[in-house]
Amino acid sequence: MALVVLSLSQLKKDEGTLITMAIPVSLAVTSLLHVEMSGVHYGFPMDAVQETVKIDKDKIEPLHNEAFIYLRGEVIPLLFINSMLDLDEIKEKELSIVVLNIKGNSLAVVVNKLLGQLDVVQKPLGGMLKGHQVFSGTALLGNGKIIMMIDPVGLLSVSSELQVPLGEVV
């Protein structure tokens, strides 16, 4: 930024100037829905979030040992992510659900806590996690915690592998 200030200070009065600034993708600001599952912070891209709701477990409809909910006249598959969700925490209270719209398909994901919306600087995944199906990147919060960004398309593609059997949660 010091170079920009120096360049601007050298401009002559009444002369036209075109300034172009390119921001690398690694510094892209992304708006996320911040959630927590098993004490780990995750983010869903806000452009994929249709809505958030809290429902009682008796509103879950089983079909072929899979969970569905009826929401605003629509039947939506309900995903309990086995490896990410604290199942003991959700047994005693109503469910916090994030409803995602993924390429015209709705998917409801149960989370332990809804924490709000954040604008974060997204960093792409590297190393062993590069190209991961479920995670698209990370972000560092001001308190030092890391948010793993969930890729909704990837989540939908592997949802059947991640699902908790219905009998364990209802």
N, C-alpha and C. Protein backbone atom coordinates (compact mmCIF):
# COMPACT_ATOMS: atom_id res chain seq x y z
N MET A 1 0.82 -1.18 0.00
CA MET A 1 0.00 0.00 0.00
C MET A 1 0.87 1.26 0.00
N ALA A 2 2.07 1.19 0.56
CA ALA A 2 2.95 2.36 0.58
C ALA A 2 3.30 2.77 -0.85
N LEU A 3 3.44 1.80 -1.73
CA LEU A 3 3.74 2.09 -3.13
C LEU A 3 2.58 2.83 -3.79
N VAL A 4 1.36 2.46 -3.44
CA VAL A 4 0.18 3.13 -3.99
C VAL A 4 0.14 4.58 -3.53
N VAL A 5 0.39 4.81 -2.24
CA VAL A 5 0.39 6.17 -1.70
C VAL A 5 1.46 7.00 -2.37
N LEU A 6 2.65 6.44 -2.56
CA LEU A 6 3.74 7.16 -3.22
C LEU A 6 3.36 7.50 -4.66
N SER A 7 2.78 6.56 -5.37
CA SER A 7 2.37 6.80 -6.76
C SER A 7 1.31 7.89 -6.84
N LEU A 8 0.36 7.87 -5.92
CA LEU A 8 -0.70 8.87 -5.93
C LEU A 8 -0.17 10.26 -5.60
N SER A 9 0.83 10.33 -4.73
CA SER A 9 1.39 11.64 -4.36
C SER A 9 2.17 12.28 -5.50
N GLN A 10 2.59 11.47 -6.48
CA GLN A 10 3.36 12.00 -7.60
C GLN A 10 2.49 12.41 -8.78
N LEU A 11 1.19 12.27 -8.67
CA LEU A 11 0.30 12.67 -9.76
C LEU A 11 0.22 14.18 -9.86
N LYS A 12 0.06 14.65 -11.08
CA LYS A 12 -0.07 16.09 -11.31
C LYS A 12 -1.53 16.47 -11.31
N LYS A 13 -1.81 17.66 -10.86
CA LYS A 13 -3.17 18.16 -10.78
C LYS A 13 -3.78 18.29 -12.17
N ASP A 14 -5.06 17.96 -12.28
CA ASP A 14 -5.85 18.08 -13.51
C ASP A 14 -5.41 17.14 -14.62
N GLU A 15 -4.75 16.03 -14.31
CA GLU A 15 -4.41 15.01 -15.31
C GLU A 15 -5.23 13.76 -15.01
N GLY A 16 -5.74 13.12 -16.04
CA GLY A 16 -6.51 11.89 -15.85
C GLY A 16 -5.62 10.73 -15.48
N THR A 17 -6.14 9.86 -14.64
CA THR A 17 -5.37 8.71 -14.19
C THR A 17 -6.28 7.49 -14.09
N LEU A 18 -5.80 6.37 -14.56
CA LEU A 18 -6.53 5.11 -14.44
C LEU A 18 -5.75 4.22 -13.48
N ILE A 19 -6.43 3.80 -12.42
CA ILE A 19 -5.79 2.94 -11.42
C ILE A 19 -6.49 1.59 -11.46
N THR A 20 -5.74 0.52 -11.66
CA THR A 20 -6.28 -0.83 -11.68
C THR A 20 -5.62 -1.61 -10.56
N MET A 21 -6.45 -2.28 -9.74
CA MET A 21 -5.91 -3.06 -8.64
C MET A 21 -6.45 -4.48 -8.76
N ALA A 22 -5.55 -5.43 -8.81
CA ALA A 22 -5.94 -6.85 -8.90
C ALA A 22 -5.74 -7.48 -7.54
N ILE A 23 -6.79 -8.13 -7.03
CA ILE A 23 -6.71 -8.81 -5.74
C ILE A 23 -6.62 -10.31 -6.00
N PRO A 24 -5.60 -10.96 -5.47
CA PRO A 24 -5.46 -12.41 -5.69
C PRO A 24 -6.63 -13.18 -5.08
N VAL A 25 -6.98 -14.31 -5.68
CA VAL A 25 -8.06 -15.14 -5.18
C VAL A 25 -7.79 -15.58 -3.75
N SER A 26 -6.54 -15.72 -3.40
CA SER A 26 -6.20 -16.16 -2.05
C SER A 26 -6.59 -15.11 -1.01
N LEU A 27 -6.94 -13.91 -1.44
CA LEU A 27 -7.38 -12.87 -0.52
C LEU A 27 -8.84 -12.50 -0.71
N ALA A 28 -9.61 -13.37 -1.32
CA ALA A 28 -11.02 -13.09 -1.57
C ALA A 28 -11.80 -13.09 -0.26
N VAL A 29 -12.67 -12.10 -0.10
CA VAL A 29 -13.52 -12.03 1.07
C VAL A 29 -14.80 -12.80 0.78
N THR A 30 -15.15 -13.69 1.69
CA THR A 30 -16.31 -14.56 1.52
C THR A 30 -17.25 -14.36 2.70
N SER A 31 -18.54 -14.35 2.41
CA SER A 31 -19.55 -14.26 3.47
C SER A 31 -19.99 -15.67 3.84
N LEU A 32 -19.91 -15.99 5.14
CA LEU A 32 -20.19 -17.35 5.63
C LEU A 32 -21.25 -17.35 6.71
N LEU A 33 -21.98 -18.45 6.80
CA LEU A 33 -22.79 -18.73 7.97
C LEU A 33 -21.90 -19.54 8.90
N HIS A 34 -21.61 -18.98 10.07
CA HIS A 34 -20.69 -19.58 11.03
C HIS A 34 -21.46 -20.53 11.94
N VAL A 35 -21.05 -21.79 11.96
CA VAL A 35 -21.69 -22.82 12.79
C VAL A 35 -20.62 -23.57 13.57
N GLU A 36 -21.09 -24.33 14.56
CA GLU A 36 -20.17 -25.16 15.34
C GLU A 36 -20.72 -26.57 15.41
N MET A 37 -19.84 -27.54 15.24
CA MET A 37 -20.18 -28.95 15.39
C MET A 37 -19.04 -29.62 16.15
N SER A 38 -19.36 -30.25 17.27
CA SER A 38 -18.36 -30.93 18.12
C SER A 38 -17.21 -30.00 18.51
N GLY A 39 -17.51 -28.74 18.76
CA GLY A 39 -16.49 -27.79 19.19
C GLY A 39 -15.62 -27.24 18.07
N VAL A 40 -15.84 -27.68 16.84
CA VAL A 40 -15.07 -27.21 15.69
C VAL A 40 -15.91 -26.20 14.92
N HIS A 41 -15.28 -25.14 14.45
CA HIS A 41 -15.98 -24.09 13.73
C HIS A 41 -15.97 -24.37 12.23
N TYR A 42 -17.14 -24.23 11.62
CA TYR A 42 -17.31 -24.46 10.19
C TYR A 42 -18.07 -23.27 9.59
N GLY A 43 -17.99 -23.14 8.28
CA GLY A 43 -18.72 -22.09 7.60
C GLY A 43 -19.36 -22.62 6.33
N PHE A 44 -20.62 -22.22 6.12
CA PHE A 44 -21.32 -22.50 4.87
C PHE A 44 -21.36 -21.20 4.07
N PRO A 45 -21.06 -21.21 2.78
CA PRO A 45 -21.15 -19.98 2.00
C PRO A 45 -22.58 -19.44 2.01
N MET A 46 -22.72 -18.15 2.29
CA MET A 46 -24.05 -17.55 2.42
C MET A 46 -24.86 -17.64 1.13
N ASP A 47 -24.20 -17.66 -0.02
CA ASP A 47 -24.96 -17.75 -1.27
C ASP A 47 -25.64 -19.11 -1.45
N ALA A 48 -25.25 -20.12 -0.64
CA ALA A 48 -25.89 -21.43 -0.70
C ALA A 48 -26.90 -21.63 0.43
N VAL A 49 -26.88 -20.73 1.42
CA VAL A 49 -27.79 -20.88 2.57
C VAL A 49 -29.16 -20.33 2.21
N GLN A 50 -30.15 -21.22 2.26
CA GLN A 50 -31.53 -20.84 1.97
C GLN A 50 -32.17 -20.24 3.22
N GLU A 51 -31.98 -20.92 4.36
CA GLU A 51 -32.50 -20.43 5.63
C GLU A 51 -31.94 -21.27 6.77
N THR A 52 -32.15 -20.79 8.01
CA THR A 52 -31.83 -21.57 9.19
C THR A 52 -33.11 -21.71 10.00
N VAL A 53 -33.30 -22.88 10.58
CA VAL A 53 -34.50 -23.14 11.38
C VAL A 53 -34.14 -24.00 12.58
N LYS A 54 -35.02 -23.96 13.58
CA LYS A 54 -34.93 -24.87 14.72
C LYS A 54 -36.21 -25.69 14.72
N ILE A 55 -36.07 -27.01 14.80
CA ILE A 55 -37.25 -27.87 14.80
C ILE A 55 -37.13 -28.93 15.90
N ASP A 56 -38.28 -29.42 16.32
CA ASP A 56 -38.32 -30.52 17.28
C ASP A 56 -38.07 -31.83 16.54
N LYS A 57 -37.55 -32.80 17.26
CA LYS A 57 -37.25 -34.10 16.64
C LYS A 57 -38.49 -34.80 16.13
N ASP A 58 -39.65 -34.51 16.72
CA ASP A 58 -40.87 -35.18 16.26
C ASP A 58 -41.32 -34.71 14.88
N LYS A 59 -40.67 -33.70 14.34
CA LYS A 59 -40.98 -33.22 12.99
C LYS A 59 -40.18 -33.97 11.92
N ILE A 60 -39.26 -34.85 12.36
CA ILE A 60 -38.47 -35.64 11.42
C ILE A 60 -39.31 -36.79 10.90
N GLU A 61 -39.33 -36.96 9.60
CA GLU A 61 -40.08 -38.04 8.96
C GLU A 61 -39.10 -39.08 8.42
N PRO A 62 -39.22 -40.34 8.86
CA PRO A 62 -38.34 -41.39 8.32
C PRO A 62 -38.89 -41.94 7.00
N LEU A 63 -37.98 -42.21 6.09
CA LEU A 63 -38.34 -42.85 4.83
C LEU A 63 -37.16 -43.71 4.40
N HIS A 64 -37.36 -45.03 4.37
CA HIS A 64 -36.28 -45.98 4.03
C HIS A 64 -35.04 -45.74 4.90
N ASN A 65 -35.26 -45.58 6.22
CA ASN A 65 -34.21 -45.37 7.21
C ASN A 65 -33.40 -44.09 6.97
N GLU A 66 -33.96 -43.13 6.27
CA GLU A 66 -33.33 -41.83 6.09
C GLU A 66 -34.27 -40.76 6.62
N ALA A 67 -33.69 -39.65 7.07
CA ALA A 67 -34.48 -38.59 7.68
C ALA A 67 -34.85 -37.52 6.66
N PHE A 68 -36.08 -37.04 6.78
CA PHE A 68 -36.57 -35.94 5.96
C PHE A 68 -37.35 -34.99 6.85
N ILE A 69 -37.45 -33.73 6.43
CA ILE A 69 -38.32 -32.78 7.11
C ILE A 69 -39.23 -32.13 6.08
N TYR A 70 -40.40 -31.73 6.54
CA TYR A 70 -41.32 -30.95 5.71
C TYR A 70 -41.14 -29.50 6.13
N LEU A 71 -40.77 -28.68 5.17
CA LEU A 71 -40.54 -27.27 5.46
C LEU A 71 -41.17 -26.44 4.36
N ARG A 72 -42.16 -25.66 4.71
CA ARG A 72 -42.86 -24.79 3.76
C ARG A 72 -43.37 -25.56 2.54
N GLY A 73 -43.95 -26.75 2.81
CA GLY A 73 -44.53 -27.55 1.75
C GLY A 73 -43.54 -28.35 0.93
N GLU A 74 -42.28 -28.32 1.31
CA GLU A 74 -41.24 -29.04 0.56
C GLU A 74 -40.67 -30.16 1.43
N VAL A 75 -40.42 -31.32 0.82
CA VAL A 75 -39.78 -32.44 1.51
C VAL A 75 -38.27 -32.30 1.29
N ILE A 76 -37.52 -32.19 2.39
CA ILE A 76 -36.08 -31.93 2.31
C ILE A 76 -35.32 -33.01 3.06
N PRO A 77 -34.33 -33.63 2.42
CA PRO A 77 -33.50 -34.61 3.14
C PRO A 77 -32.74 -33.93 4.27
N LEU A 78 -32.65 -34.62 5.40
CA LEU A 78 -32.00 -34.10 6.60
C LEU A 78 -30.72 -34.88 6.84
N LEU A 79 -29.60 -34.16 6.93
CA LEU A 79 -28.29 -34.79 7.08
C LEU A 79 -27.73 -34.57 8.47
N PHE A 80 -27.47 -35.67 9.18
CA PHE A 80 -26.74 -35.66 10.44
C PHE A 80 -25.33 -36.14 10.09
N ILE A 81 -24.34 -35.26 10.12
CA ILE A 81 -22.99 -35.65 9.71
C ILE A 81 -22.30 -36.38 10.85
N ASN A 82 -22.15 -37.67 10.69
CA ASN A 82 -21.64 -38.56 11.72
C ASN A 82 -20.30 -38.11 12.29
N SER A 83 -19.34 -37.81 11.46
CA SER A 83 -17.99 -37.52 11.93
C SER A 83 -17.82 -36.09 12.46
N MET A 84 -18.81 -35.21 12.25
CA MET A 84 -18.66 -33.81 12.65
C MET A 84 -19.61 -33.39 13.77
N LEU A 85 -20.65 -34.12 14.01
CA LEU A 85 -21.72 -33.70 14.91
C LEU A 85 -21.57 -34.32 16.29
N ASP A 86 -21.82 -33.53 17.33
CA ASP A 86 -21.85 -34.04 18.70
C ASP A 86 -23.26 -34.54 18.95
N LEU A 87 -23.47 -35.85 18.79
CA LEU A 87 -24.81 -36.44 18.88
C LEU A 87 -25.40 -36.35 20.28
N ASP A 88 -24.55 -36.42 21.31
CA ASP A 88 -25.06 -36.33 22.68
C ASP A 88 -25.67 -34.95 22.95
N GLU A 89 -25.09 -33.93 22.37
CA GLU A 89 -25.56 -32.57 22.58
C GLU A 89 -26.94 -32.32 21.97
N ILE A 90 -27.24 -32.97 20.86
CA ILE A 90 -28.52 -32.72 20.19
C ILE A 90 -29.65 -33.63 20.65
N LYS A 91 -29.34 -34.62 21.48
CA LYS A 91 -30.39 -35.56 21.90
C LYS A 91 -31.44 -34.92 22.80
N GLU A 92 -31.07 -33.90 23.57
CA GLU A 92 -31.96 -33.33 24.57
C GLU A 92 -32.66 -32.05 24.14
N LYS A 93 -32.39 -31.53 22.97
CA LYS A 93 -33.00 -30.25 22.61
C LYS A 93 -33.45 -30.24 21.16
N GLU A 94 -34.09 -29.12 20.78
CA GLU A 94 -34.51 -29.02 19.39
C GLU A 94 -33.30 -28.89 18.49
N LEU A 95 -33.48 -29.23 17.23
CA LEU A 95 -32.37 -29.28 16.29
C LEU A 95 -32.16 -27.92 15.60
N SER A 96 -30.90 -27.51 15.50
CA SER A 96 -30.53 -26.34 14.71
C SER A 96 -30.18 -26.84 13.32
N ILE A 97 -30.85 -26.28 12.32
CA ILE A 97 -30.71 -26.79 10.96
C ILE A 97 -30.36 -25.67 10.00
N VAL A 98 -29.42 -25.95 9.11
CA VAL A 98 -29.08 -25.05 8.01
C VAL A 98 -29.64 -25.69 6.74
N VAL A 99 -30.52 -24.96 6.06
CA VAL A 99 -31.09 -25.46 4.80
C VAL A 99 -30.29 -24.84 3.66
N LEU A 100 -29.69 -25.71 2.87
CA LEU A 100 -28.85 -25.27 1.75
C LEU A 100 -29.59 -25.46 0.44
N ASN A 101 -29.36 -24.55 -0.48
CA ASN A 101 -29.86 -24.69 -1.85
C ASN A 101 -28.64 -24.94 -2.72
N ILE A 102 -28.52 -26.18 -3.20
CA ILE A 102 -27.35 -26.60 -3.95
C ILE A 102 -27.78 -26.96 -5.36
N LYS A 103 -27.52 -26.06 -6.29
CA LYS A 103 -27.90 -26.27 -7.69
C LYS A 103 -29.36 -26.68 -7.83
N GLY A 104 -30.23 -25.99 -7.11
CA GLY A 104 -31.66 -26.26 -7.19
C GLY A 104 -32.15 -27.38 -6.30
N ASN A 105 -31.24 -28.07 -5.61
CA ASN A 105 -31.62 -29.14 -4.67
C ASN A 105 -31.48 -28.62 -3.24
N SER A 106 -32.45 -28.93 -2.41
CA SER A 106 -32.38 -28.52 -1.01
C SER A 106 -31.81 -29.66 -0.17
N LEU A 107 -31.00 -29.29 0.81
CA LEU A 107 -30.43 -30.23 1.77
C LEU A 107 -30.41 -29.54 3.12
N ALA A 108 -30.96 -30.19 4.13
CA ALA A 108 -30.98 -29.66 5.49
C ALA A 108 -29.86 -30.35 6.28
N VAL A 109 -29.00 -29.56 6.90
CA VAL A 109 -27.87 -30.09 7.66
C VAL A 109 -28.04 -29.72 9.12
N VAL A 110 -27.97 -30.71 10.01
CA VAL A 110 -28.07 -30.47 11.44
C VAL A 110 -26.71 -30.02 11.96
N VAL A 111 -26.71 -28.95 12.76
CA VAL A 111 -25.48 -28.44 13.37
C VAL A 111 -25.70 -28.35 14.87
N ASN A 112 -24.61 -28.28 15.64
CA ASN A 112 -24.76 -28.13 17.09
C ASN A 112 -25.12 -26.70 17.48
N LYS A 113 -24.50 -25.71 16.83
CA LYS A 113 -24.79 -24.31 17.17
C LYS A 113 -24.75 -23.45 15.92
N LEU A 114 -25.69 -22.51 15.84
CA LEU A 114 -25.67 -21.47 14.82
C LEU A 114 -25.02 -20.25 15.46
N LEU A 115 -23.91 -19.76 14.90
CA LEU A 115 -23.17 -18.67 15.54
C LEU A 115 -23.31 -17.33 14.83
N GLY A 116 -23.86 -17.30 13.62
CA GLY A 116 -24.05 -16.01 12.94
C GLY A 116 -23.35 -15.95 11.60
N GLN A 117 -23.39 -14.75 11.02
CA GLN A 117 -22.79 -14.52 9.71
C GLN A 117 -21.46 -13.81 9.87
N LEU A 118 -20.49 -14.19 9.04
CA LEU A 118 -19.15 -13.60 9.07
C LEU A 118 -18.68 -13.28 7.67
N ASP A 119 -17.91 -12.22 7.54
CA ASP A 119 -17.16 -11.97 6.31
C ASP A 119 -15.71 -12.27 6.63
N VAL A 120 -15.13 -13.21 5.92
CA VAL A 120 -13.77 -13.67 6.22
C VAL A 120 -12.92 -13.65 4.96
N VAL A 121 -11.62 -13.64 5.17
CA VAL A 121 -10.67 -13.78 4.06
C VAL A 121 -10.40 -15.27 3.89
N GLN A 122 -10.81 -15.80 2.76
CA GLN A 122 -10.69 -17.24 2.50
C GLN A 122 -9.29 -17.58 2.00
N LYS A 123 -8.76 -18.65 2.57
CA LYS A 123 -7.49 -19.19 2.10
C LYS A 123 -7.77 -20.56 1.50
N PRO A 124 -7.25 -20.83 0.31
CA PRO A 124 -7.47 -22.15 -0.29
C PRO A 124 -6.74 -23.24 0.48
N LEU A 125 -7.25 -24.45 0.36
CA LEU A 125 -6.61 -25.59 1.02
C LEU A 125 -5.35 -25.97 0.26
N GLY A 126 -4.36 -26.39 1.01
CA GLY A 126 -3.11 -26.83 0.39
C GLY A 126 -2.68 -28.15 0.99
N GLY A 127 -1.60 -28.66 0.52
CA GLY A 127 -1.04 -29.90 1.06
C GLY A 127 -1.97 -31.08 0.87
N MET A 128 -2.11 -31.89 1.92
CA MET A 128 -2.90 -33.11 1.84
C MET A 128 -4.39 -32.82 1.67
N LEU A 129 -4.87 -31.66 2.10
CA LEU A 129 -6.29 -31.34 2.00
C LEU A 129 -6.68 -30.71 0.67
N LYS A 130 -5.70 -30.41 -0.17
CA LYS A 130 -6.02 -29.79 -1.45
C LYS A 130 -6.92 -30.72 -2.28
N GLY A 131 -8.01 -30.17 -2.78
CA GLY A 131 -8.95 -30.96 -3.57
C GLY A 131 -9.91 -31.79 -2.73
N HIS A 132 -9.99 -31.52 -1.42
CA HIS A 132 -10.90 -32.26 -0.54
C HIS A 132 -12.34 -32.06 -1.01
N GLN A 133 -13.15 -33.12 -0.96
CA GLN A 133 -14.52 -33.05 -1.46
C GLN A 133 -15.43 -32.16 -0.63
N VAL A 134 -15.28 -32.17 0.68
CA VAL A 134 -16.21 -31.46 1.55
C VAL A 134 -15.74 -30.05 1.91
N PHE A 135 -14.44 -29.83 2.01
CA PHE A 135 -13.93 -28.53 2.44
C PHE A 135 -13.31 -27.77 1.27
N SER A 136 -13.63 -26.47 1.20
CA SER A 136 -13.13 -25.66 0.09
C SER A 136 -12.02 -24.70 0.52
N GLY A 137 -11.86 -24.47 1.82
CA GLY A 137 -10.84 -23.55 2.28
C GLY A 137 -10.92 -23.35 3.78
N THR A 138 -10.12 -22.40 4.26
CA THR A 138 -10.10 -22.07 5.68
C THR A 138 -10.08 -20.56 5.85
N ALA A 139 -10.35 -20.14 7.06
CA ALA A 139 -10.24 -18.73 7.43
C ALA A 139 -9.82 -18.66 8.89
N LEU A 140 -9.12 -17.60 9.23
CA LEU A 140 -8.66 -17.41 10.60
C LEU A 140 -9.50 -16.30 11.23
N LEU A 141 -10.11 -16.61 12.36
CA LEU A 141 -10.91 -15.62 13.08
C LEU A 141 -10.00 -14.71 13.91
N GLY A 142 -10.53 -13.61 14.35
CA GLY A 142 -9.76 -12.67 15.17
C GLY A 142 -9.30 -13.26 16.49
N ASN A 143 -10.02 -14.26 17.01
CA ASN A 143 -9.63 -14.89 18.27
C ASN A 143 -8.65 -16.04 18.08
N GLY A 144 -8.21 -16.26 16.84
CA GLY A 144 -7.23 -17.30 16.55
C GLY A 144 -7.81 -18.64 16.15
N LYS A 145 -9.13 -18.78 16.21
CA LYS A 145 -9.75 -20.04 15.81
C LYS A 145 -9.83 -20.13 14.29
N ILE A 146 -9.78 -21.36 13.81
CA ILE A 146 -9.83 -21.61 12.37
C ILE A 146 -11.22 -22.09 12.00
N ILE A 147 -11.75 -21.56 10.90
CA ILE A 147 -13.02 -22.01 10.36
C ILE A 147 -12.72 -22.85 9.12
N MET A 148 -13.29 -24.04 9.08
CA MET A 148 -13.21 -24.86 7.88
C MET A 148 -14.43 -24.53 7.02
N MET A 149 -14.21 -24.15 5.78
CA MET A 149 -15.31 -23.79 4.89
C MET A 149 -15.82 -25.03 4.17
N ILE A 150 -17.11 -25.25 4.29
CA ILE A 150 -17.74 -26.43 3.70
C ILE A 150 -18.20 -26.11 2.29
N ASP A 151 -17.86 -26.98 1.36
CA ASP A 151 -18.31 -26.85 -0.03
C ASP A 151 -19.65 -27.57 -0.14
N PRO A 152 -20.76 -26.83 -0.35
CA PRO A 152 -22.08 -27.48 -0.40
C PRO A 152 -22.21 -28.52 -1.50
N VAL A 153 -21.63 -28.29 -2.66
CA VAL A 153 -21.72 -29.26 -3.76
C VAL A 153 -20.99 -30.55 -3.36
N GLY A 154 -19.82 -30.42 -2.77
CA GLY A 154 -19.09 -31.59 -2.31
C GLY A 154 -19.81 -32.32 -1.19
N LEU A 155 -20.43 -31.55 -0.29
CA LEU A 155 -21.19 -32.14 0.80
C LEU A 155 -22.37 -32.96 0.27
N LEU A 156 -23.06 -32.42 -0.72
CA LEU A 156 -24.18 -33.14 -1.31
C LEU A 156 -23.72 -34.42 -1.99
N SER A 157 -22.56 -34.38 -2.64
CA SER A 157 -22.08 -35.56 -3.36
C SER A 157 -21.68 -36.72 -2.44
N VAL A 158 -21.30 -36.42 -1.20
CA VAL A 158 -20.88 -37.48 -0.27
C VAL A 158 -21.83 -37.61 0.92
N SER A 159 -23.00 -36.99 0.84
CA SER A 159 -23.92 -36.97 1.98
C SER A 159 -24.35 -38.36 2.43
N SER A 160 -24.53 -39.28 1.52
CA SER A 160 -24.97 -40.63 1.92
C SER A 160 -23.88 -41.36 2.71
N GLU A 161 -22.62 -41.04 2.45
CA GLU A 161 -21.51 -41.67 3.18
C GLU A 161 -21.35 -41.09 4.58
N LEU A 162 -21.76 -39.84 4.77
CA LEU A 162 -21.58 -39.15 6.04
C LEU A 162 -22.75 -39.32 7.00
N GLN A 163 -23.88 -39.78 6.50
CA GLN A 163 -25.14 -39.81 7.26
C GLN A 163 -25.07 -40.76 8.46
N VAL A 164 -25.62 -40.29 9.58
CA VAL A 164 -25.77 -41.11 10.78
C VAL A 164 -27.04 -41.94 10.60
N PRO A 165 -27.03 -43.24 10.95
CA PRO A 165 -28.27 -44.02 10.88
C PRO A 165 -29.36 -43.36 11.72
N LEU A 166 -30.56 -43.33 11.18
CA LEU A 166 -31.68 -42.61 11.79
C LEU A 166 -31.97 -43.04 13.22
N GLY A 167 -31.81 -44.32 13.51
CA GLY A 167 -32.08 -44.82 14.85
C GLY A 167 -31.17 -44.25 15.93
N GLU A 168 -29.99 -43.77 15.56
CA GLU A 168 -29.04 -43.23 16.53
C GLU A 168 -29.37 -41.81 16.95
N VAL A 169 -30.20 -41.11 16.20
CA VAL A 169 -30.45 -39.71 16.49
C VAL A 169 -31.88 -39.40 16.89
N VAL A 170 -32.80 -40.27 16.59
CA VAL A 170 -34.22 -40.00 16.91
C VAL A 170 -34.66 -40.82 18.09
